Amino acid sequence: MINLFHLNDHIIDTSKYSNLLHDNIVTEFEDTIKDYVGAKYAVSFNSATSALFLTLLGKNITLKVPSMIPPVVLNAIITSGNKYTFTDNVDWVGDSYVLHQFSDYKIVDSAQKLMKNQFMDECDDDDLMVFSFYPTKPIGSCDGGMIVSNNYEKILHLKSLALNGMSYSHNNWERQIQFAGYKMYMNSIQAEMGLNNFNKYEEKLSSLNLIREIYNKELGYDNTSYHLYRIVVEDRSGFMSHMKDNGVSTGIHYEAAHLHPTYRIDGSKCPKSEQLSKQTVSIPFHEGLKISEIYHIINKIKEYYGKTVLT
């Protein structure tokens, strides 16, 4: 079976860690990512969901979010004490988007995108940009998240929130409880896996760029994401069954949340989201694909629609 995603193998020697769950390697990973995206400061978390939760905690706001959104984003909004309405934005998938614009700064959800100088290109100094290191994301780990900014005070406060409400100090014994916080910091294993994958990232991007060019040329799309490659089909269940029967995994990104009983808001109308949530399919798009597998996938897509099959 040709997998939808590719996960790297990791051998990690935990004997080199101290008694802490967040050794120096966590700081090294934070420094690596902030420098890559062009930000001054960074703070890491056990997940991007935790990062979003802490950025929204106590804000008492209503956010406008795309209906085609991972449910974890809505969960973070709800559990942090906020509300939301839906927009019909279907173009953000595989990219970054503004989760909320305050009067003086914005929160950018970039869980599906991580590029060189990205913070510098997309943000102002006081903005917060959120990244995810879930295994299937651009730089994967065993989950994890990070926020970067040029605002030191915001990063320091978020670091304390995630570190049980403790003031940050390099020496664990010098940290002091400031308030009741949360245990949401990134651990050393997450950081080491993230660093290992970062060291392969430029090579990965190069491979994905080649694969995307082939897909776009042969399938007639103009996709630009480095995270997902989605196509539109008429009969999704039939198409996915056909691909599975031919050894190709496919996926759905994402359902229209405004139709789900847990998240729906009466009166929400998002026609583009409703249509695409029934018709979009993600096909395998990762650096582990062989050329023969890429053309096998293309062949089976064309075969399903009775088009000319590549030889």
C-alpha atoms as a PDB file:
ATOM      1  CA  MET A   1       0.000   0.000   0.000  1.00  0.00           C
ATOM      2  CA  ILE A   2       1.300   3.455  -0.908  1.00  0.00           C
ATOM      3  CA  ASN A   3       0.894   5.489   2.286  1.00  0.00           C
ATOM      4  CA  LEU A   4      -0.737   8.912   2.423  1.00  0.00           C
ATOM      5  CA  PHE A   5       2.053  10.238   4.675  1.00  0.00           C
ATOM      6  CA  HIS A   6       5.642   9.255   5.445  1.00  0.00           C
ATOM      7  CA  LEU A   7       6.998   9.029   8.997  1.00  0.00           C
ATOM      8  CA  ASN A   8      10.744   8.853   9.610  1.00  0.00           C
ATOM      9  CA  ASP A   9      12.379   6.312  11.903  1.00  0.00           C
ATOM     10  CA  HIS A  10      14.164   7.657  14.989  1.00  0.00           C
ATOM     11  CA  ILE A  11      16.633   6.117  17.421  1.00  0.00           C
ATOM     12  CA  ILE A  12      16.829   8.231  20.558  1.00  0.00           C
ATOM     13  CA  ASP A  13      19.216   7.690  23.461  1.00  0.00           C
ATOM     14  CA  THR A  14      17.312   8.918  26.509  1.00  0.00           C
ATOM     15  CA  SER A  15      20.270   8.198  28.824  1.00  0.00           C
ATOM     16  CA  LYS A  16      21.824  11.517  27.788  1.00  0.00           C
ATOM     17  CA  TYR A  17      18.883  13.463  29.233  1.00  0.00           C
ATOM     18  CA  SER A  18      18.798  14.756  32.792  1.00  0.00           C
ATOM     19  CA  ASN A  19      15.933  14.184  35.213  1.00  0.00           C
ATOM     20  CA  LEU A  20      14.062  16.980  33.420  1.00  0.00           C
ATOM     21  CA  LEU A  21      11.501  16.357  30.718  1.00  0.00           C
ATOM     22  CA  HIS A  22      12.647  19.520  28.954  1.00  0.00           C
ATOM     23  CA  ASP A  23      16.426  19.510  28.603  1.00  0.00           C
ATOM     24  CA  ASN A  24      18.639  21.903  26.664  1.00  0.00           C
ATOM     25  CA  ILE A  25      17.602  20.213  23.431  1.00  0.00           C
ATOM     26  CA  VAL A  26      14.183  21.873  23.749  1.00  0.00           C
ATOM     27  CA  THR A  27      15.836  25.300  23.756  1.00  0.00           C
ATOM     28  CA  GLU A  28      18.014  24.197  20.835  1.00  0.00           C
ATOM     29  CA  PHE A  29      14.913  23.220  18.863  1.00  0.00           C
ATOM     30  CA  GLU A  30      13.195  26.534  19.703  1.00  0.00           C
ATOM     31  CA  ASP A  31      16.278  28.478  18.588  1.00  0.00           C
ATOM     32  CA  THR A  32      16.521  26.452  15.359  1.00  0.00           C
ATOM     33  CA  ILE A  33      12.913  27.085  14.340  1.00  0.00           C
ATOM     34  CA  LYS A  34      12.824  30.783  15.301  1.00  0.00           C
ATOM     35  CA  ASP A  35      16.006  31.449  13.353  1.00  0.00           C
ATOM     36  CA  TYR A  36      14.675  29.555  10.326  1.00  0.00           C
ATOM     37  CA  VAL A  37      11.401  31.492  10.174  1.00  0.00           C
ATOM     38  CA  GLY A  38      13.028  34.831  11.023  1.00  0.00           C
ATOM     39  CA  ALA A  39      11.711  35.499  14.544  1.00  0.00           C
ATOM     40  CA  LYS A  40      13.541  36.618  17.682  1.00  0.00           C
ATOM     41  CA  TYR A  41      11.837  34.422  20.297  1.00  0.00           C
ATOM     42  CA  ALA A  42      10.105  31.063  20.547  1.00  0.00           C
ATOM     43  CA  VAL A  43       8.299  28.912  23.084  1.00  0.00           C
ATOM     44  CA  SER A  44       7.397  25.254  22.572  1.00  0.00           C
ATOM     45  CA  PHE A  45       4.456  23.145  23.762  1.00  0.00           C
ATOM     46  CA  ASN A  46       3.324  19.546  23.950  1.00  0.00           C
ATOM     47  CA  SER A  47       0.968  20.226  21.016  1.00  0.00           C
ATOM     48  CA  ALA A  48      -0.133  23.022  18.711  1.00  0.00           C
ATOM     49  CA  THR A  49      -3.599  22.677  20.254  1.00  0.00           C
ATOM     50  CA  SER A  50      -2.114  23.618  23.633  1.00  0.00           C
ATOM     51  CA  ALA A  51      -0.368  26.564  21.977  1.00  0.00           C
ATOM     52  CA  LEU A  52      -3.646  27.831  20.514  1.00  0.00           C
ATOM     53  CA  PHE A  53      -5.438  27.269  23.825  1.00  0.00           C
ATOM     54  CA  LEU A  54      -2.935  29.402  25.744  1.00  0.00           C
ATOM     55  CA  THR A  55      -2.930  32.226  23.179  1.00  0.00           C
ATOM     56  CA  LEU A  56      -6.733  32.460  23.499  1.00  0.00           C
ATOM     57  CA  LEU A  57      -7.069  31.892  27.235  1.00  0.00           C
ATOM     58  CA  GLY A  58      -9.098  34.614  28.938  1.00  0.00           C
ATOM     59  CA  LYS A  59      -9.609  36.660  25.755  1.00  0.00           C
ATOM     60  CA  ASN A  60     -13.436  36.439  25.747  1.00  0.00           C
ATOM     61  CA  ILE A  61     -13.653  37.002  22.005  1.00  0.00           C
ATOM     62  CA  THR A  62     -15.521  35.615  19.008  1.00  0.00           C
ATOM     63  CA  LEU A  63     -13.258  34.251  16.288  1.00  0.00           C
ATOM     64  CA  LYS A  64     -14.138  33.865  12.614  1.00  0.00           C
ATOM     65  CA  VAL A  65     -12.811  30.497  11.480  1.00  0.00           C
ATOM     66  CA  PRO A  66     -13.088  28.475   8.265  1.00  0.00           C
ATOM     67  CA  SER A  67     -15.752  25.781   8.363  1.00  0.00           C
ATOM     68  CA  MET A  68     -13.241  23.367   6.799  1.00  0.00           C
ATOM     69  CA  ILE A  69     -11.003  23.319   9.861  1.00  0.00           C
ATOM     70  CA  PRO A  70      -9.482  20.571  12.028  1.00  0.00           C
ATOM     71  CA  PRO A  71     -11.782  20.046  15.032  1.00  0.00           C
ATOM     72  CA  VAL A  72      -8.849  20.596  17.425  1.00  0.00           C
ATOM     73  CA  VAL A  73      -8.882  24.311  16.547  1.00  0.00           C
ATOM     74  CA  LEU A  74     -12.543  24.617  17.519  1.00  0.00           C
ATOM     75  CA  ASN A  75     -11.850  22.630  20.684  1.00  0.00           C
ATOM     76  CA  ALA A  76      -9.083  25.065  21.653  1.00  0.00           C
ATOM     77  CA  ILE A  77     -11.422  28.008  21.068  1.00  0.00           C
ATOM     78  CA  ILE A  78     -14.216  26.488  23.148  1.00  0.00           C
ATOM     79  CA  THR A  79     -12.118  25.181  26.052  1.00  0.00           C
ATOM     80  CA  SER A  80     -10.255  28.495  26.360  1.00  0.00           C
ATOM     81  CA  GLY A  81     -13.591  30.225  26.966  1.00  0.00           C
ATOM     82  CA  ASN A  82     -14.196  31.863  23.602  1.00  0.00           C
ATOM     83  CA  LYS A  83     -16.795  31.714  20.825  1.00  0.00           C
ATOM     84  CA  TYR A  84     -16.620  31.371  17.061  1.00  0.00           C
ATOM     85  CA  THR A  85     -18.501  31.935  13.843  1.00  0.00           C
ATOM     86  CA  PHE A  86     -17.826  30.241  10.519  1.00  0.00           C
ATOM     87  CA  THR A  87     -16.448  31.603   7.270  1.00  0.00           C
ATOM     88  CA  ASP A  88     -16.524  29.929   3.862  1.00  0.00           C
ATOM     89  CA  ASN A  89     -12.755  30.116   3.368  1.00  0.00           C
ATOM     90  CA  VAL A  90     -11.709  26.923   1.570  1.00  0.00           C
ATOM     91  CA  ASP A  91      -8.338  28.116   0.279  1.00  0.00           C
ATOM     92  CA  TRP A  92      -6.371  28.094   3.528  1.00  0.00           C
ATOM     93  CA  VAL A  93      -5.903  24.290   3.701  1.00  0.00           C
ATOM     94  CA  GLY A  94      -2.199  23.478   3.480  1.00  0.00           C
ATOM     95  CA  ASP A  95      -1.277  27.105   4.136  1.00  0.00           C
ATOM     96  CA  SER A  96      -1.296  29.578   7.042  1.00  0.00           C
ATOM     97  CA  TYR A  97      -4.224  31.836   7.931  1.00  0.00           C
ATOM     98  CA  VAL A  98      -5.070  34.567  10.435  1.00  0.00           C
ATOM     99  CA  LEU A  99      -6.932  32.916  13.299  1.00  0.00           C
ATOM    100  CA  HIS A 100      -7.750  36.258  14.916  1.00  0.00           C
ATOM    101  CA  GLN A 101      -6.854  39.911  14.402  1.00  0.00           C
ATOM    102  CA  PHE A 102      -6.713  41.957  17.601  1.00  0.00           C
ATOM    103  CA  SER A 103      -6.374  45.739  17.535  1.00  0.00           C
ATOM    104  CA  ASP A 104      -2.587  45.584  17.971  1.00  0.00           C
ATOM    105  CA  TYR A 105      -1.525  42.072  16.909  1.00  0.00           C
ATOM    106  CA  LYS A 106      -2.731  38.888  15.230  1.00  0.00           C
ATOM    107  CA  ILE A 107      -2.544  35.155  15.813  1.00  0.00           C
ATOM    108  CA  VAL A 108      -1.477  33.209  12.722  1.00  0.00           C
ATOM    109  CA  ASP A 109      -2.261  29.495  12.620  1.00  0.00           C
ATOM    110  CA  SER A 110       0.520  27.958  10.542  1.00  0.00           C
ATOM    111  CA  ALA A 111       0.143  24.335  11.603  1.00  0.00           C
ATOM    112  CA  GLN A 112       0.321  23.198   7.975  1.00  0.00           C
ATOM    113  CA  LYS A 113       3.119  25.443   6.736  1.00  0.00           C
ATOM    114  CA  LEU A 114       6.693  26.121   7.860  1.00  0.00           C
ATOM    115  CA  MET A 115       8.989  28.026   5.491  1.00  0.00           C
ATOM    116  CA  LYS A 116      12.235  29.958   5.715  1.00  0.00           C
ATOM    117  CA  ASN A 117      11.725  33.600   6.826  1.00  0.00           C
ATOM    118  CA  GLN A 118       7.976  32.979   7.088  1.00  0.00           C
ATOM    119  CA  PHE A 119       7.448  35.020  10.245  1.00  0.00           C
ATOM    120  CA  MET A 120       9.458  37.866   8.750  1.00  0.00           C
ATOM    121  CA  ASP A 121       7.347  37.763   5.576  1.00  0.00           C
ATOM    122  CA  GLU A 122       3.871  37.329   7.091  1.00  0.00           C
ATOM    123  CA  CYS A 123       3.966  38.942  10.522  1.00  0.00           C
ATOM    124  CA  ASP A 124       4.637  42.109  12.483  1.00  0.00           C
ATOM    125  CA  ASP A 125       6.760  42.183  15.638  1.00  0.00           C
ATOM    126  CA  ASP A 126       3.919  41.706  18.129  1.00  0.00           C
ATOM    127  CA  ASP A 127       2.190  38.900  16.206  1.00  0.00           C
ATOM    128  CA  LEU A 128       2.112  35.290  17.349  1.00  0.00           C
ATOM    129  CA  MET A 129       2.683  32.548  14.747  1.00  0.00           C
ATOM    130  CA  VAL A 130       1.789  28.986  15.709  1.00  0.00           C
ATOM    131  CA  PHE A 131       3.447  25.864  14.253  1.00  0.00           C
ATOM    132  CA  SER A 132       2.615  22.178  14.675  1.00  0.00           C
ATOM    133  CA  PHE A 133       4.976  19.209  14.891  1.00  0.00           C
ATOM    134  CA  TYR A 134       2.309  16.531  14.732  1.00  0.00           C
ATOM    135  CA  PRO A 135       3.872  13.497  12.947  1.00  0.00           C
ATOM    136  CA  THR A 136       2.238  14.259   9.588  1.00  0.00           C
ATOM    137  CA  LYS A 137       3.012  17.998   9.557  1.00  0.00           C
ATOM    138  CA  PRO A 138       5.857  19.597   7.505  1.00  0.00           C
ATOM    139  CA  ILE A 139       8.385  19.027  10.305  1.00  0.00           C
ATOM    140  CA  GLY A 140       6.985  16.117  12.282  1.00  0.00           C
ATOM    141  CA  SER A 141       7.717  14.799  15.751  1.00  0.00           C
ATOM    142  CA  CYS A 142       5.728  12.770  18.272  1.00  0.00           C
ATOM    143  CA  ASP A 143       3.415  15.794  18.395  1.00  0.00           C
ATOM    144  CA  GLY A 144       4.378  19.233  19.685  1.00  0.00           C
ATOM    145  CA  GLY A 145       3.820  22.879  18.882  1.00  0.00           C
ATOM    146  CA  MET A 146       5.643  26.202  18.930  1.00  0.00           C
ATOM    147  CA  ILE A 147       4.873  29.921  18.931  1.00  0.00           C
ATOM    148  CA  VAL A 148       7.313  32.486  17.576  1.00  0.00           C
ATOM    149  CA  SER A 149       7.227  36.263  17.926  1.00  0.00           C
ATOM    150  CA  ASN A 150       9.439  39.321  18.237  1.00  0.00           C
ATOM    151  CA  ASN A 151       7.593  40.289  21.418  1.00  0.00           C
ATOM    152  CA  TYR A 152       9.654  38.958  24.324  1.00  0.00           C
ATOM    153  CA  GLU A 153       7.069  39.653  27.034  1.00  0.00           C
ATOM    154  CA  LYS A 154       4.376  37.644  25.239  1.00  0.00           C
ATOM    155  CA  ILE A 155       6.694  34.680  24.700  1.00  0.00           C
ATOM    156  CA  LEU A 156       7.881  34.804  28.320  1.00  0.00           C
ATOM    157  CA  HIS A 157       4.290  34.818  29.600  1.00  0.00           C
ATOM    158  CA  LEU A 158       3.332  31.887  27.379  1.00  0.00           C
ATOM    159  CA  LYS A 159       6.423  30.010  28.546  1.00  0.00           C
ATOM    160  CA  SER A 160       5.330  30.453  32.169  1.00  0.00           C
ATOM    161  CA  LEU A 161       1.751  29.424  31.362  1.00  0.00           C
ATOM    162  CA  ALA A 162       2.986  26.184  29.800  1.00  0.00           C
ATOM    163  CA  LEU A 163       5.548  25.531  32.552  1.00  0.00           C
ATOM    164  CA  ASN A 164       3.063  25.062  35.399  1.00  0.00           C
ATOM    165  CA  GLY A 165       2.940  28.816  35.996  1.00  0.00           C
ATOM    166  CA  MET A 166       6.646  28.965  36.856  1.00  0.00           C
ATOM    167  CA  SER A 167       9.057  31.751  35.999  1.00  0.00           C
ATOM    168  CA  TYR A 168      11.595  30.606  33.442  1.00  0.00           C
ATOM    169  CA  SER A 169      15.196  30.013  34.418  1.00  0.00           C
ATOM    170  CA  HIS A 170      17.820  27.817  32.784  1.00  0.00           C
ATOM    171  CA  ASN A 171      18.436  26.288  36.213  1.00  0.00           C
ATOM    172  CA  ASN A 172      15.315  24.347  37.176  1.00  0.00           C
ATOM    173  CA  TRP A 173      15.833  24.969  40.893  1.00  0.00           C
ATOM    174  CA  GLU A 174      15.680  28.733  40.437  1.00  0.00           C
ATOM    175  CA  ARG A 175      12.207  28.682  38.879  1.00  0.00           C
ATOM    176  CA  GLN A 176       9.491  30.191  41.035  1.00  0.00           C
ATOM    177  CA  ILE A 177       5.725  29.665  40.981  1.00  0.00           C
ATOM    178  CA  GLN A 178       4.068  32.873  39.756  1.00  0.00           C
ATOM    179  CA  PHE A 179       0.514  31.648  39.233  1.00  0.00           C
ATOM    180  CA  ALA A 180      -1.476  28.470  38.662  1.00  0.00           C
ATOM    181  CA  GLY A 181      -0.442  27.403  35.160  1.00  0.00           C
ATOM    182  CA  TYR A 182      -0.577  24.371  32.905  1.00  0.00           C
ATOM    183  CA  LYS A 183       1.664  21.407  32.174  1.00  0.00           C
ATOM    184  CA  MET A 184       1.868  21.970  28.421  1.00  0.00           C
ATOM    185  CA  TYR A 185       5.594  22.280  27.699  1.00  0.00           C
ATOM    186  CA  MET A 186       7.420  20.281  25.009  1.00  0.00           C
ATOM    187  CA  ASN A 187       9.487  17.327  26.213  1.00  0.00           C
ATOM    188  CA  SER A 188      13.014  16.378  25.180  1.00  0.00           C
ATOM    189  CA  ILE A 189      12.011  13.434  22.982  1.00  0.00           C
ATOM    190  CA  GLN A 190       9.650  15.645  20.977  1.00  0.00           C
ATOM    191  CA  ALA A 191      12.416  18.220  20.534  1.00  0.00           C
ATOM    192  CA  GLU A 192      15.017  15.683  19.416  1.00  0.00           C
ATOM    193  CA  MET A 193      12.670  14.111  16.862  1.00  0.00           C
ATOM    194  CA  GLY A 194      11.796  17.574  15.586  1.00  0.00           C
ATOM    195  CA  LEU A 195      15.466  18.506  15.230  1.00  0.00           C
ATOM    196  CA  ASN A 196      16.231  15.262  13.418  1.00  0.00           C
ATOM    197  CA  ASN A 197      13.467  15.954  10.918  1.00  0.00           C
ATOM    198  CA  PHE A 198      14.460  19.612  10.551  1.00  0.00           C
ATOM    199  CA  ASN A 199      17.925  18.488   9.449  1.00  0.00           C
ATOM    200  CA  LYS A 200      16.235  16.664   6.539  1.00  0.00           C
ATOM    201  CA  TYR A 201      13.739  19.414   5.806  1.00  0.00           C
ATOM    202  CA  GLU A 202      15.355  21.191   2.856  1.00  0.00           C
ATOM    203  CA  GLU A 203      15.831  17.842   1.112  1.00  0.00           C
ATOM    204  CA  LYS A 204      12.200  17.019   1.849  1.00  0.00           C
ATOM    205  CA  LEU A 205      10.988  20.324   0.372  1.00  0.00           C
ATOM    206  CA  SER A 206      12.999  19.685  -2.771  1.00  0.00           C
ATOM    207  CA  SER A 207      11.404  16.246  -3.196  1.00  0.00           C
ATOM    208  CA  LEU A 208       7.906  17.598  -2.556  1.00  0.00           C
ATOM    209  CA  ASN A 209       8.418  20.356  -5.088  1.00  0.00           C
ATOM    210  CA  LEU A 210       9.279  17.785  -7.774  1.00  0.00           C
ATOM    211  CA  ILE A 211       6.312  15.563  -6.890  1.00  0.00           C
ATOM    212  CA  ARG A 212       3.940  18.520  -6.875  1.00  0.00           C
ATOM    213  CA  GLU A 213       5.138  19.654 -10.303  1.00  0.00           C
ATOM    214  CA  ILE A 214       4.455  16.188 -11.731  1.00  0.00           C
ATOM    215  CA  TYR A 215       1.004  16.012 -10.134  1.00  0.00           C
ATOM    216  CA  ASN A 216       0.083  19.515 -11.301  1.00  0.00           C
ATOM    217  CA  LYS A 217       1.181  18.793 -14.857  1.00  0.00           C
ATOM    218  CA  GLU A 218      -0.523  15.409 -15.173  1.00  0.00           C
ATOM    219  CA  LEU A 219      -3.689  16.129 -13.163  1.00  0.00           C
ATOM    220  CA  GLY A 220      -4.294  19.712 -14.270  1.00  0.00           C
ATOM    221  CA  TYR A 221      -4.046  21.432 -10.883  1.00  0.00           C
ATOM    222  CA  ASP A 222      -2.061  24.399  -9.612  1.00  0.00           C
ATOM    223  CA  ASN A 223      -1.570  23.291  -6.022  1.00  0.00           C
ATOM    224  CA  THR A 224       1.085  25.106  -4.001  1.00  0.00           C
ATOM    225  CA  SER A 225       1.030  23.445  -0.561  1.00  0.00           C
ATOM    226  CA  TYR A 226       3.979  21.478   0.807  1.00  0.00           C
ATOM    227  CA  HIS A 227       1.703  19.670   3.271  1.00  0.00           C
ATOM    228  CA  LEU A 228      -1.246  18.230   1.313  1.00  0.00           C
ATOM    229  CA  TYR A 229      -2.126  17.503  -2.290  1.00  0.00           C
ATOM    230  CA  ARG A 230      -5.900  17.583  -2.687  1.00  0.00           C
ATOM    231  CA  ILE A 231      -7.998  16.851  -5.741  1.00  0.00           C
ATOM    232  CA  VAL A 232     -11.740  17.190  -6.386  1.00  0.00           C
ATOM    233  CA  VAL A 233     -13.773  14.108  -7.332  1.00  0.00           C
ATOM    234  CA  GLU A 234     -17.474  13.604  -8.011  1.00  0.00           C
ATOM    235  CA  ASP A 235     -17.984  10.293  -6.192  1.00  0.00           C
ATOM    236  CA  ARG A 236     -15.584  10.381  -3.276  1.00  0.00           C
ATOM    237  CA  SER A 237     -16.462   7.032  -1.709  1.00  0.00           C
ATOM    238  CA  GLY A 238     -16.257   5.288  -5.076  1.00  0.00           C
ATOM    239  CA  PHE A 239     -12.958   6.982  -5.911  1.00  0.00           C
ATOM    240  CA  MET A 240     -11.393   6.165  -2.541  1.00  0.00           C
ATOM    241  CA  SER A 241     -12.483   2.519  -2.855  1.00  0.00           C
ATOM    242  CA  HIS A 242     -10.949   2.351  -6.330  1.00  0.00           C
ATOM    243  CA  MET A 243      -7.648   3.769  -5.098  1.00  0.00           C
ATOM    244  CA  LYS A 244      -7.572   1.444  -2.085  1.00  0.00           C
ATOM    245  CA  ASP A 245      -8.219  -1.580  -4.305  1.00  0.00           C
ATOM    246  CA  ASN A 246      -5.192  -0.479  -6.323  1.00  0.00           C
ATOM    247  CA  GLY A 247      -2.886  -0.081  -3.336  1.00  0.00           C
ATOM    248  CA  VAL A 248      -3.144   3.682  -2.788  1.00  0.00           C
ATOM    249  CA  SER A 249      -4.134   5.301   0.513  1.00  0.00           C
ATOM    250  CA  THR A 250      -6.206   8.492   0.363  1.00  0.00           C
ATOM    251  CA  GLY A 251      -7.572  10.874   2.994  1.00  0.00           C
ATOM    252  CA  ILE A 252     -10.146  13.598   3.647  1.00  0.00           C
ATOM    253  CA  HIS A 253      -9.077  17.163   4.642  1.00  0.00           C
ATOM    254  CA  TYR A 254     -11.535  18.356   5.967  1.00  0.00           C
ATOM    255  CA  GLU A 255     -15.251  17.976   6.718  1.00  0.00           C
ATOM    256  CA  ALA A 256     -17.427  21.094   7.018  1.00  0.00           C
ATOM    257  CA  ALA A 257     -17.529  21.716  10.776  1.00  0.00           C
ATOM    258  CA  HIS A 258     -20.601  23.962  10.607  1.00  0.00           C
ATOM    259  CA  LEU A 259     -22.638  20.847   9.736  1.00  0.00           C
ATOM    260  CA  HIS A 260     -21.351  18.773  12.647  1.00  0.00           C
ATOM    261  CA  PRO A 261     -23.740  18.571  15.625  1.00  0.00           C
ATOM    262  CA  THR A 262     -20.939  19.328  18.097  1.00  0.00           C
ATOM    263  CA  TYR A 263     -19.859  22.566  16.414  1.00  0.00           C
ATOM    264  CA  ARG A 264     -22.780  23.728  14.289  1.00  0.00           C
ATOM    265  CA  ILE A 265     -24.232  27.190  14.636  1.00  0.00           C
ATOM    266  CA  ASP A 266     -27.795  27.608  13.410  1.00  0.00           C
ATOM    267  CA  GLY A 267     -27.970  29.769  10.323  1.00  0.00           C
ATOM    268  CA  SER A 268     -24.380  29.205   9.221  1.00  0.00           C
ATOM    269  CA  LYS A 269     -24.151  29.101   5.442  1.00  0.00           C
ATOM    270  CA  CYS A 270     -20.899  27.965   3.827  1.00  0.00           C
ATOM    271  CA  PRO A 271     -21.818  26.537   0.407  1.00  0.00           C
ATOM    272  CA  LYS A 272     -18.249  26.157  -0.881  1.00  0.00           C
ATOM    273  CA  SER A 273     -17.250  24.321   2.291  1.00  0.00           C
ATOM    274  CA  GLU A 274     -20.274  22.042   2.058  1.00  0.00           C
ATOM    275  CA  GLN A 275     -19.493  21.126  -1.533  1.00  0.00           C
ATOM    276  CA  LEU A 276     -15.754  20.626  -1.148  1.00  0.00           C
ATOM    277  CA  SER A 277     -16.088  18.706   2.110  1.00  0.00           C
ATOM    278  CA  LYS A 278     -17.907  16.053   0.076  1.00  0.00           C
ATOM    279  CA  GLN A 279     -15.595  16.108  -2.943  1.00  0.00           C
ATOM    280  CA  THR A 280     -12.006  16.770  -1.901  1.00  0.00           C
ATOM    281  CA  VAL A 281      -9.576  13.893  -1.462  1.00  0.00           C
ATOM    282  CA  SER A 282      -5.923  14.001  -0.417  1.00  0.00           C
ATOM    283  CA  ILE A 283      -3.595  11.711  -2.347  1.00  0.00           C
ATOM    284  CA  PRO A 284      -0.133  10.515  -1.219  1.00  0.00           C
ATOM    285  CA  PHE A 285       2.280  13.441  -1.087  1.00  0.00           C
ATOM    286  CA  HIS A 286       5.523  12.836   0.770  1.00  0.00           C
ATOM    287  CA  GLU A 287       9.257  12.587   0.278  1.00  0.00           C
ATOM    288  CA  GLY A 288       9.189   8.784   0.507  1.00  0.00           C
ATOM    289  CA  LEU A 289       7.378   8.354  -2.823  1.00  0.00           C
ATOM    290  CA  LYS A 290       9.253   6.668  -5.651  1.00  0.00           C
ATOM    291  CA  ILE A 291       8.818   7.879  -9.228  1.00  0.00           C
ATOM    292  CA  SER A 292       7.125   4.581 -10.103  1.00  0.00           C
ATOM    293  CA  GLU A 293       4.646   5.109  -7.240  1.00  0.00           C
ATOM    294  CA  ILE A 294       3.896   8.683  -8.323  1.00  0.00           C
ATOM    295  CA  TYR A 295       2.962   7.547 -11.811  1.00  0.00           C
ATOM    296  CA  HIS A 296       1.029   4.569 -10.445  1.00  0.00           C
ATOM    297  CA  ILE A 297      -1.103   7.019  -8.440  1.00  0.00           C
ATOM    298  CA  ILE A 298      -1.618   9.232 -11.497  1.00  0.00           C
ATOM    299  CA  ASN A 299      -2.494   6.229 -13.644  1.00  0.00           C
ATOM    300  CA  LYS A 300      -5.120   4.980 -11.226  1.00  0.00           C
ATOM    301  CA  ILE A 301      -6.690   8.446 -10.968  1.00  0.00           C
ATOM    302  CA  LYS A 302      -6.906   8.727 -14.738  1.00  0.00           C
ATOM    303  CA  GLU A 303      -8.046   5.122 -15.061  1.00  0.00           C
ATOM    304  CA  TYR A 304     -10.960   5.819 -12.732  1.00  0.00           C
ATOM    305  CA  TYR A 305     -12.158   8.615 -14.986  1.00  0.00           C
ATOM    306  CA  GLY A 306     -11.506   6.709 -18.210  1.00  0.00           C
ATOM    307  CA  LYS A 307      -8.766   9.068 -19.294  1.00  0.00           C
ATOM    308  CA  THR A 308      -5.571   8.213 -21.122  1.00  0.00           C
ATOM    309  CA  VAL A 309      -3.307   6.170 -18.887  1.00  0.00           C
ATOM    310  CA  LEU A 310       0.405   6.968 -18.798  1.00  0.00           C
ATOM    311  CA  THR A 311       2.812   4.299 -19.932  1.00  0.00           C
END
